[in-house]
Amino acid sequence: MADIAAELQNTVLINENIKMVIWNCFEINLMGLNAILLAKRAGRMARGFGVISGELRELSLQLQGSMNRLSNASQDMLAESSHSMTQERRSQMLAQTSELSAENTTYLAETLGRNRKAADEHSERLRIVHQRLSEYIDEAYQACVFGVVIARAARIESAYSGEHSNVLAELSNDFARKVDSIVPRLEELRRISGKMR
């Protein structure tokens, strides 16, 4: 029962981290749109910055997709954990009842057997959900590492953007900070999901 309670607690932590990453992705997307508009205003000199900003927007959408899949897996995990907790309570009640009642031992033994089988099936489904969770976290982490590289490229491009280079440099630094702030969240998700296996 303690394992299931820990699982539920970890699911809450996962959802909190997912919300923060999704919020950062939303901000990156808006910043990317703003950067594209600024790059268009700056003209030919900032064309590269506009392309990189578009890439950062794509990255934010990709990360949001990963986080949505991760959120769905987390909800599946929550449902399976809750069901496992219910099954475990039923099994405990049946075991206590079978100790008190010698008349229905055959029926209770069959029911306990069915409950154990259902618990094993839920454990297998939970294992699969954990596996999906790890895959989605790895997918998001790889996208985020790519985002760090793109944010650095934006810094370089901003230097070649003519008279708008200061504004674009500031924006590229904001990109870098936002993308960098996602990495610890994903590392925390990895740590939490690693405890759940």
C-alpha atoms as a PDB file:
ATOM      1  CA  MET A   1       0.000   0.000   0.000  1.00  0.00           C
ATOM      2  CA  ALA A   2       2.909   2.326   0.754  1.00  0.00           C
ATOM      3  CA  ASP A   3       4.281   1.694  -2.746  1.00  0.00           C
ATOM      4  CA  ILE A   4       0.996   2.754  -4.287  1.00  0.00           C
ATOM      5  CA  ALA A   5       0.828   5.871  -2.111  1.00  0.00           C
ATOM      6  CA  ALA A   6       4.379   6.770  -3.217  1.00  0.00           C
ATOM      7  CA  GLU A   7       3.317   6.171  -6.811  1.00  0.00           C
ATOM      8  CA  LEU A   8       0.403   8.571  -6.397  1.00  0.00           C
ATOM      9  CA  GLN A   9       2.694  11.170  -4.796  1.00  0.00           C
ATOM     10  CA  ASN A  10       5.159  10.834  -7.681  1.00  0.00           C
ATOM     11  CA  THR A  11       2.331  11.257 -10.173  1.00  0.00           C
ATOM     12  CA  VAL A  12       1.447  14.579  -8.543  1.00  0.00           C
ATOM     13  CA  LEU A  13       5.098  15.689  -8.763  1.00  0.00           C
ATOM     14  CA  ILE A  14       5.224  14.674 -12.415  1.00  0.00           C
ATOM     15  CA  ASN A  15       2.111  16.699 -13.192  1.00  0.00           C
ATOM     16  CA  GLU A  16       3.519  19.775 -11.432  1.00  0.00           C
ATOM     17  CA  ASN A  17       6.707  19.594 -13.505  1.00  0.00           C
ATOM     18  CA  ILE A  18       4.730  19.021 -16.698  1.00  0.00           C
ATOM     19  CA  LYS A  19       2.677  22.162 -16.045  1.00  0.00           C
ATOM     20  CA  MET A  20       5.833  24.229 -15.605  1.00  0.00           C
ATOM     21  CA  VAL A  21       7.388  22.896 -18.820  1.00  0.00           C
ATOM     22  CA  ILE A  22       4.173  23.541 -20.749  1.00  0.00           C
ATOM     23  CA  TRP A  23       4.097  27.108 -19.412  1.00  0.00           C
ATOM     24  CA  ASN A  24       7.719  27.652 -20.483  1.00  0.00           C
ATOM     25  CA  CYS A  25       6.918  26.214 -23.921  1.00  0.00           C
ATOM     26  CA  PHE A  26       3.996  28.593 -24.258  1.00  0.00           C
ATOM     27  CA  GLU A  27       6.273  31.516 -23.400  1.00  0.00           C
ATOM     28  CA  ILE A  28       8.930  30.319 -25.880  1.00  0.00           C
ATOM     29  CA  ASN A  29       6.263  30.089 -28.568  1.00  0.00           C
ATOM     30  CA  LEU A  30       5.134  33.672 -27.924  1.00  0.00           C
ATOM     31  CA  MET A  31       8.722  34.896 -27.786  1.00  0.00           C
ATOM     32  CA  GLY A  32       9.403  33.110 -31.075  1.00  0.00           C
ATOM     33  CA  LEU A  33       6.463  34.827 -32.721  1.00  0.00           C
ATOM     34  CA  ASN A  34       7.650  38.174 -31.386  1.00  0.00           C
ATOM     35  CA  ALA A  35      11.186  37.450 -32.602  1.00  0.00           C
ATOM     36  CA  ILE A  36       9.945  36.559 -36.085  1.00  0.00           C
ATOM     37  CA  LEU A  37       8.069  39.858 -36.276  1.00  0.00           C
ATOM     38  CA  LEU A  38      11.130  41.770 -35.054  1.00  0.00           C
ATOM     39  CA  ALA A  39      13.338  39.970 -37.558  1.00  0.00           C
ATOM     40  CA  LYS A  40      10.960  40.877 -40.390  1.00  0.00           C
ATOM     41  CA  ARG A  41      11.008  44.468 -39.258  1.00  0.00           C
ATOM     42  CA  ALA A  42      14.819  44.393 -39.175  1.00  0.00           C
ATOM     43  CA  GLY A  43      14.881  43.154 -42.760  1.00  0.00           C
ATOM     44  CA  ARG A  44      17.444  41.143 -44.657  1.00  0.00           C
ATOM     45  CA  MET A  45      20.144  41.425 -41.984  1.00  0.00           C
ATOM     46  CA  ALA A  46      18.006  39.533 -39.442  1.00  0.00           C
ATOM     47  CA  ARG A  47      16.586  36.882 -41.762  1.00  0.00           C
ATOM     48  CA  GLY A  48      18.667  34.148 -40.091  1.00  0.00           C
ATOM     49  CA  PHE A  49      17.398  35.187 -36.685  1.00  0.00           C
ATOM     50  CA  GLY A  50      13.827  34.896 -37.990  1.00  0.00           C
ATOM     51  CA  VAL A  51      14.485  31.360 -39.219  1.00  0.00           C
ATOM     52  CA  ILE A  52      16.004  30.353 -35.890  1.00  0.00           C
ATOM     53  CA  SER A  53      13.072  31.925 -34.050  1.00  0.00           C
ATOM     54  CA  GLY A  54      10.735  29.814 -36.160  1.00  0.00           C
ATOM     55  CA  GLU A  55      12.744  26.747 -35.175  1.00  0.00           C
ATOM     56  CA  LEU A  56      12.385  27.669 -31.509  1.00  0.00           C
ATOM     57  CA  ARG A  57       8.628  27.979 -31.964  1.00  0.00           C
ATOM     58  CA  GLU A  58       8.570  24.531 -33.567  1.00  0.00           C
ATOM     59  CA  LEU A  59      10.626  23.226 -30.674  1.00  0.00           C
ATOM     60  CA  SER A  60       8.161  24.663 -28.167  1.00  0.00           C
ATOM     61  CA  LEU A  61       5.271  22.975 -29.980  1.00  0.00           C
ATOM     62  CA  GLN A  62       7.176  19.692 -30.078  1.00  0.00           C
ATOM     63  CA  LEU A  63       7.904  19.929 -26.351  1.00  0.00           C
ATOM     64  CA  GLN A  64       4.263  20.764 -25.650  1.00  0.00           C
ATOM     65  CA  GLY A  65       3.274  17.631 -27.579  1.00  0.00           C
ATOM     66  CA  SER A  66       5.725  15.564 -25.549  1.00  0.00           C
ATOM     67  CA  MET A  67       4.382  17.048 -22.336  1.00  0.00           C
ATOM     68  CA  ASN A  68       0.800  16.303 -23.391  1.00  0.00           C
ATOM     69  CA  ARG A  69       1.740  12.667 -24.077  1.00  0.00           C
ATOM     70  CA  LEU A  70       3.560  12.608 -20.750  1.00  0.00           C
ATOM     71  CA  SER A  71       0.512  14.062 -19.027  1.00  0.00           C
ATOM     72  CA  ASN A  72      -1.716  11.393 -20.582  1.00  0.00           C
ATOM     73  CA  ALA A  73       0.688   8.671 -19.437  1.00  0.00           C
ATOM     74  CA  SER A  74       0.699  10.238 -15.982  1.00  0.00           C
ATOM     75  CA  GLN A  75      -3.107  10.160 -15.904  1.00  0.00           C
ATOM     76  CA  ASP A  76      -3.013   6.498 -16.964  1.00  0.00           C
ATOM     77  CA  MET A  77      -0.554   5.842 -14.165  1.00  0.00           C
ATOM     78  CA  LEU A  78      -2.813   7.623 -11.697  1.00  0.00           C
ATOM     79  CA  ALA A  79      -5.796   5.536 -12.801  1.00  0.00           C
ATOM     80  CA  GLU A  80      -3.831   2.277 -12.584  1.00  0.00           C
ATOM     81  CA  SER A  81      -2.375   3.184  -9.190  1.00  0.00           C
ATOM     82  CA  SER A  82      -5.799   4.126  -7.840  1.00  0.00           C
ATOM     83  CA  HIS A  83      -7.252   0.899  -9.141  1.00  0.00           C
ATOM     84  CA  SER A  84      -4.375  -1.075  -7.618  1.00  0.00           C
ATOM     85  CA  MET A  85      -4.992   0.605  -4.277  1.00  0.00           C
ATOM     86  CA  THR A  86      -8.679  -0.331  -4.450  1.00  0.00           C
ATOM     87  CA  GLN A  87      -7.811  -3.920  -5.377  1.00  0.00           C
ATOM     88  CA  GLU A  88      -5.327  -4.172  -2.521  1.00  0.00           C
ATOM     89  CA  ARG A  89      -7.905  -2.918  -0.030  1.00  0.00           C
ATOM     90  CA  ARG A  90     -10.443  -5.453  -1.315  1.00  0.00           C
ATOM     91  CA  SER A  91      -7.922  -8.242  -1.006  1.00  0.00           C
ATOM     92  CA  GLN A  92      -7.120  -7.227   2.564  1.00  0.00           C
ATOM     93  CA  MET A  93     -10.812  -7.138   3.454  1.00  0.00           C
ATOM     94  CA  LEU A  94     -11.390 -10.538   1.840  1.00  0.00           C
ATOM     95  CA  ALA A  95      -8.411 -12.008   3.667  1.00  0.00           C
ATOM     96  CA  GLN A  96      -9.761 -10.707   6.978  1.00  0.00           C
ATOM     97  CA  THR A  97     -13.219 -12.018   6.144  1.00  0.00           C
ATOM     98  CA  SER A  98     -11.879 -15.453   5.218  1.00  0.00           C
ATOM     99  CA  GLU A  99     -10.151 -15.673   8.596  1.00  0.00           C
ATOM    100  CA  LEU A 100     -13.436 -14.952  10.353  1.00  0.00           C
ATOM    101  CA  SER A 101     -15.690 -17.158   8.259  1.00  0.00           C
ATOM    102  CA  ALA A 102     -14.834 -20.814   7.777  1.00  0.00           C
ATOM    103  CA  GLU A 103     -18.090 -21.475   5.865  1.00  0.00           C
ATOM    104  CA  ASN A 104     -17.267 -19.584   2.660  1.00  0.00           C
ATOM    105  CA  THR A 105     -13.556 -20.346   2.400  1.00  0.00           C
ATOM    106  CA  THR A 106     -13.798 -21.823  -1.110  1.00  0.00           C
ATOM    107  CA  TYR A 107     -15.680 -18.828  -2.475  1.00  0.00           C
ATOM    108  CA  LEU A 108     -13.371 -16.394  -0.714  1.00  0.00           C
ATOM    109  CA  ALA A 109     -10.275 -18.235  -1.953  1.00  0.00           C
ATOM    110  CA  GLU A 110     -11.568 -18.030  -5.537  1.00  0.00           C
ATOM    111  CA  THR A 111     -12.328 -14.339  -5.117  1.00  0.00           C
ATOM    112  CA  LEU A 112      -8.879 -13.712  -3.637  1.00  0.00           C
ATOM    113  CA  GLY A 113      -7.356 -15.549  -6.597  1.00  0.00           C
ATOM    114  CA  ARG A 114      -9.267 -13.379  -9.067  1.00  0.00           C
ATOM    115  CA  ASN A 115      -8.179 -10.264  -7.192  1.00  0.00           C
ATOM    116  CA  ARG A 116      -4.534 -11.376  -7.269  1.00  0.00           C
ATOM    117  CA  LYS A 117      -4.793 -12.023 -10.996  1.00  0.00           C
ATOM    118  CA  ALA A 118      -6.357  -8.580 -11.538  1.00  0.00           C
ATOM    119  CA  ALA A 119      -3.601  -7.022  -9.416  1.00  0.00           C
ATOM    120  CA  ASP A 120      -0.962  -8.749 -11.552  1.00  0.00           C
ATOM    121  CA  GLU A 121      -2.627  -7.432 -14.715  1.00  0.00           C
ATOM    122  CA  HIS A 122      -2.663  -3.917 -13.271  1.00  0.00           C
ATOM    123  CA  SER A 123       0.993  -4.234 -12.315  1.00  0.00           C
ATOM    124  CA  GLU A 124       1.831  -5.150 -15.906  1.00  0.00           C
ATOM    125  CA  ARG A 125      -0.170  -2.210 -17.260  1.00  0.00           C
ATOM    126  CA  LEU A 126       1.571   0.059 -14.763  1.00  0.00           C
ATOM    127  CA  ARG A 127       4.953  -1.238 -15.932  1.00  0.00           C
ATOM    128  CA  ILE A 128       4.008  -0.397 -19.525  1.00  0.00           C
ATOM    129  CA  VAL A 129       2.879   3.088 -18.484  1.00  0.00           C
ATOM    130  CA  HIS A 130       6.203   3.608 -16.668  1.00  0.00           C
ATOM    131  CA  GLN A 131       8.019   2.574 -19.824  1.00  0.00           C
ATOM    132  CA  ARG A 132       5.999   5.038 -21.934  1.00  0.00           C
ATOM    133  CA  LEU A 133       6.642   7.740 -19.349  1.00  0.00           C
ATOM    134  CA  SER A 134      10.402   7.222 -19.604  1.00  0.00           C
ATOM    135  CA  GLU A 135      10.255   7.267 -23.408  1.00  0.00           C
ATOM    136  CA  TYR A 136       8.315  10.543 -23.442  1.00  0.00           C
ATOM    137  CA  ILE A 137      10.716  12.135 -20.970  1.00  0.00           C
ATOM    138  CA  ASP A 138      13.688  11.059 -23.102  1.00  0.00           C
ATOM    139  CA  GLU A 139      11.968  12.430 -26.212  1.00  0.00           C
ATOM    140  CA  ALA A 140      11.357  15.774 -24.515  1.00  0.00           C
ATOM    141  CA  TYR A 141      14.905  15.874 -23.153  1.00  0.00           C
ATOM    142  CA  GLN A 142      16.396  15.340 -26.614  1.00  0.00           C
ATOM    143  CA  ALA A 143      14.194  18.094 -28.031  1.00  0.00           C
ATOM    144  CA  CYS A 144      15.258  20.391 -25.206  1.00  0.00           C
ATOM    145  CA  VAL A 145      18.959  19.719 -25.826  1.00  0.00           C
ATOM    146  CA  PHE A 146      18.344  20.614 -29.460  1.00  0.00           C
ATOM    147  CA  GLY A 147      16.594  23.762 -28.216  1.00  0.00           C
ATOM    148  CA  VAL A 148      19.663  24.745 -26.209  1.00  0.00           C
ATOM    149  CA  VAL A 149      21.716  24.526 -29.413  1.00  0.00           C
ATOM    150  CA  ILE A 150      19.143  26.571 -31.342  1.00  0.00           C
ATOM    151  CA  ALA A 151      19.066  29.216 -28.595  1.00  0.00           C
ATOM    152  CA  ARG A 152      22.854  29.511 -28.824  1.00  0.00           C
ATOM    153  CA  ALA A 153      22.582  29.874 -32.589  1.00  0.00           C
ATOM    154  CA  ALA A 154      20.051  32.667 -32.018  1.00  0.00           C
ATOM    155  CA  ARG A 155      22.637  34.478 -29.901  1.00  0.00           C
ATOM    156  CA  ILE A 156      25.147  34.254 -32.731  1.00  0.00           C
ATOM    157  CA  GLU A 157      22.625  35.358 -35.364  1.00  0.00           C
ATOM    158  CA  SER A 158      21.552  38.326 -33.269  1.00  0.00           C
ATOM    159  CA  ALA A 159      25.092  39.703 -33.465  1.00  0.00           C
ATOM    160  CA  TYR A 160      24.765  39.940 -37.258  1.00  0.00           C
ATOM    161  CA  SER A 161      21.371  41.645 -37.276  1.00  0.00           C
ATOM    162  CA  GLY A 162      22.484  45.185 -37.904  1.00  0.00           C
ATOM    163  CA  GLU A 163      20.901  48.009 -35.980  1.00  0.00           C
ATOM    164  CA  HIS A 164      18.458  45.650 -34.241  1.00  0.00           C
ATOM    165  CA  SER A 165      21.202  43.448 -32.856  1.00  0.00           C
ATOM    166  CA  ASN A 166      20.795  44.709 -29.275  1.00  0.00           C
ATOM    167  CA  VAL A 167      17.070  43.958 -29.154  1.00  0.00           C
ATOM    168  CA  LEU A 168      17.521  40.595 -30.833  1.00  0.00           C
ATOM    169  CA  ALA A 169      20.457  39.753 -28.537  1.00  0.00           C
ATOM    170  CA  GLU A 170      18.251  40.431 -25.533  1.00  0.00           C
ATOM    171  CA  LEU A 171      15.532  38.266 -27.025  1.00  0.00           C
ATOM    172  CA  SER A 172      17.991  35.467 -27.787  1.00  0.00           C
ATOM    173  CA  ASN A 173      19.183  35.590 -24.162  1.00  0.00           C
ATOM    174  CA  ASP A 174      15.561  35.268 -23.052  1.00  0.00           C
ATOM    175  CA  PHE A 175      15.201  32.254 -25.349  1.00  0.00           C
ATOM    176  CA  ALA A 176      18.295  30.679 -23.840  1.00  0.00           C
ATOM    177  CA  ARG A 177      17.072  31.267 -20.274  1.00  0.00           C
ATOM    178  CA  LYS A 178      13.657  29.786 -21.019  1.00  0.00           C
ATOM    179  CA  VAL A 179      15.057  26.716 -22.750  1.00  0.00           C
ATOM    180  CA  ASP A 180      17.675  26.280 -20.024  1.00  0.00           C
ATOM    181  CA  SER A 181      14.949  26.466 -17.365  1.00  0.00           C
ATOM    182  CA  ILE A 182      13.233  23.437 -18.903  1.00  0.00           C
ATOM    183  CA  VAL A 183      16.285  21.170 -18.566  1.00  0.00           C
ATOM    184  CA  PRO A 184      16.151  20.901 -14.728  1.00  0.00           C
ATOM    185  CA  ARG A 185      12.422  20.123 -14.908  1.00  0.00           C
ATOM    186  CA  LEU A 186      13.084  17.296 -17.337  1.00  0.00           C
ATOM    187  CA  GLU A 187      15.920  16.020 -15.150  1.00  0.00           C
ATOM    188  CA  GLU A 188      13.511  16.067 -12.201  1.00  0.00           C
ATOM    189  CA  LEU A 189      10.992  14.110 -14.280  1.00  0.00           C
ATOM    190  CA  ARG A 190      13.720  11.565 -15.076  1.00  0.00           C
ATOM    191  CA  ARG A 191      14.596  11.273 -11.395  1.00  0.00           C
ATOM    192  CA  ILE A 192      10.970  10.791 -10.362  1.00  0.00           C
ATOM    193  CA  SER A 193      10.232   8.274 -13.093  1.00  0.00           C
ATOM    194  CA  GLY A 194      13.430   6.390 -12.201  1.00  0.00           C
ATOM    195  CA  LYS A 195      12.140   5.944  -8.634  1.00  0.00           C
ATOM    196  CA  MET A 196       8.901   4.480  -9.967  1.00  0.00           C
ATOM    197  CA  ARG A 197      10.319   1.489 -11.803  1.00  0.00           C
END
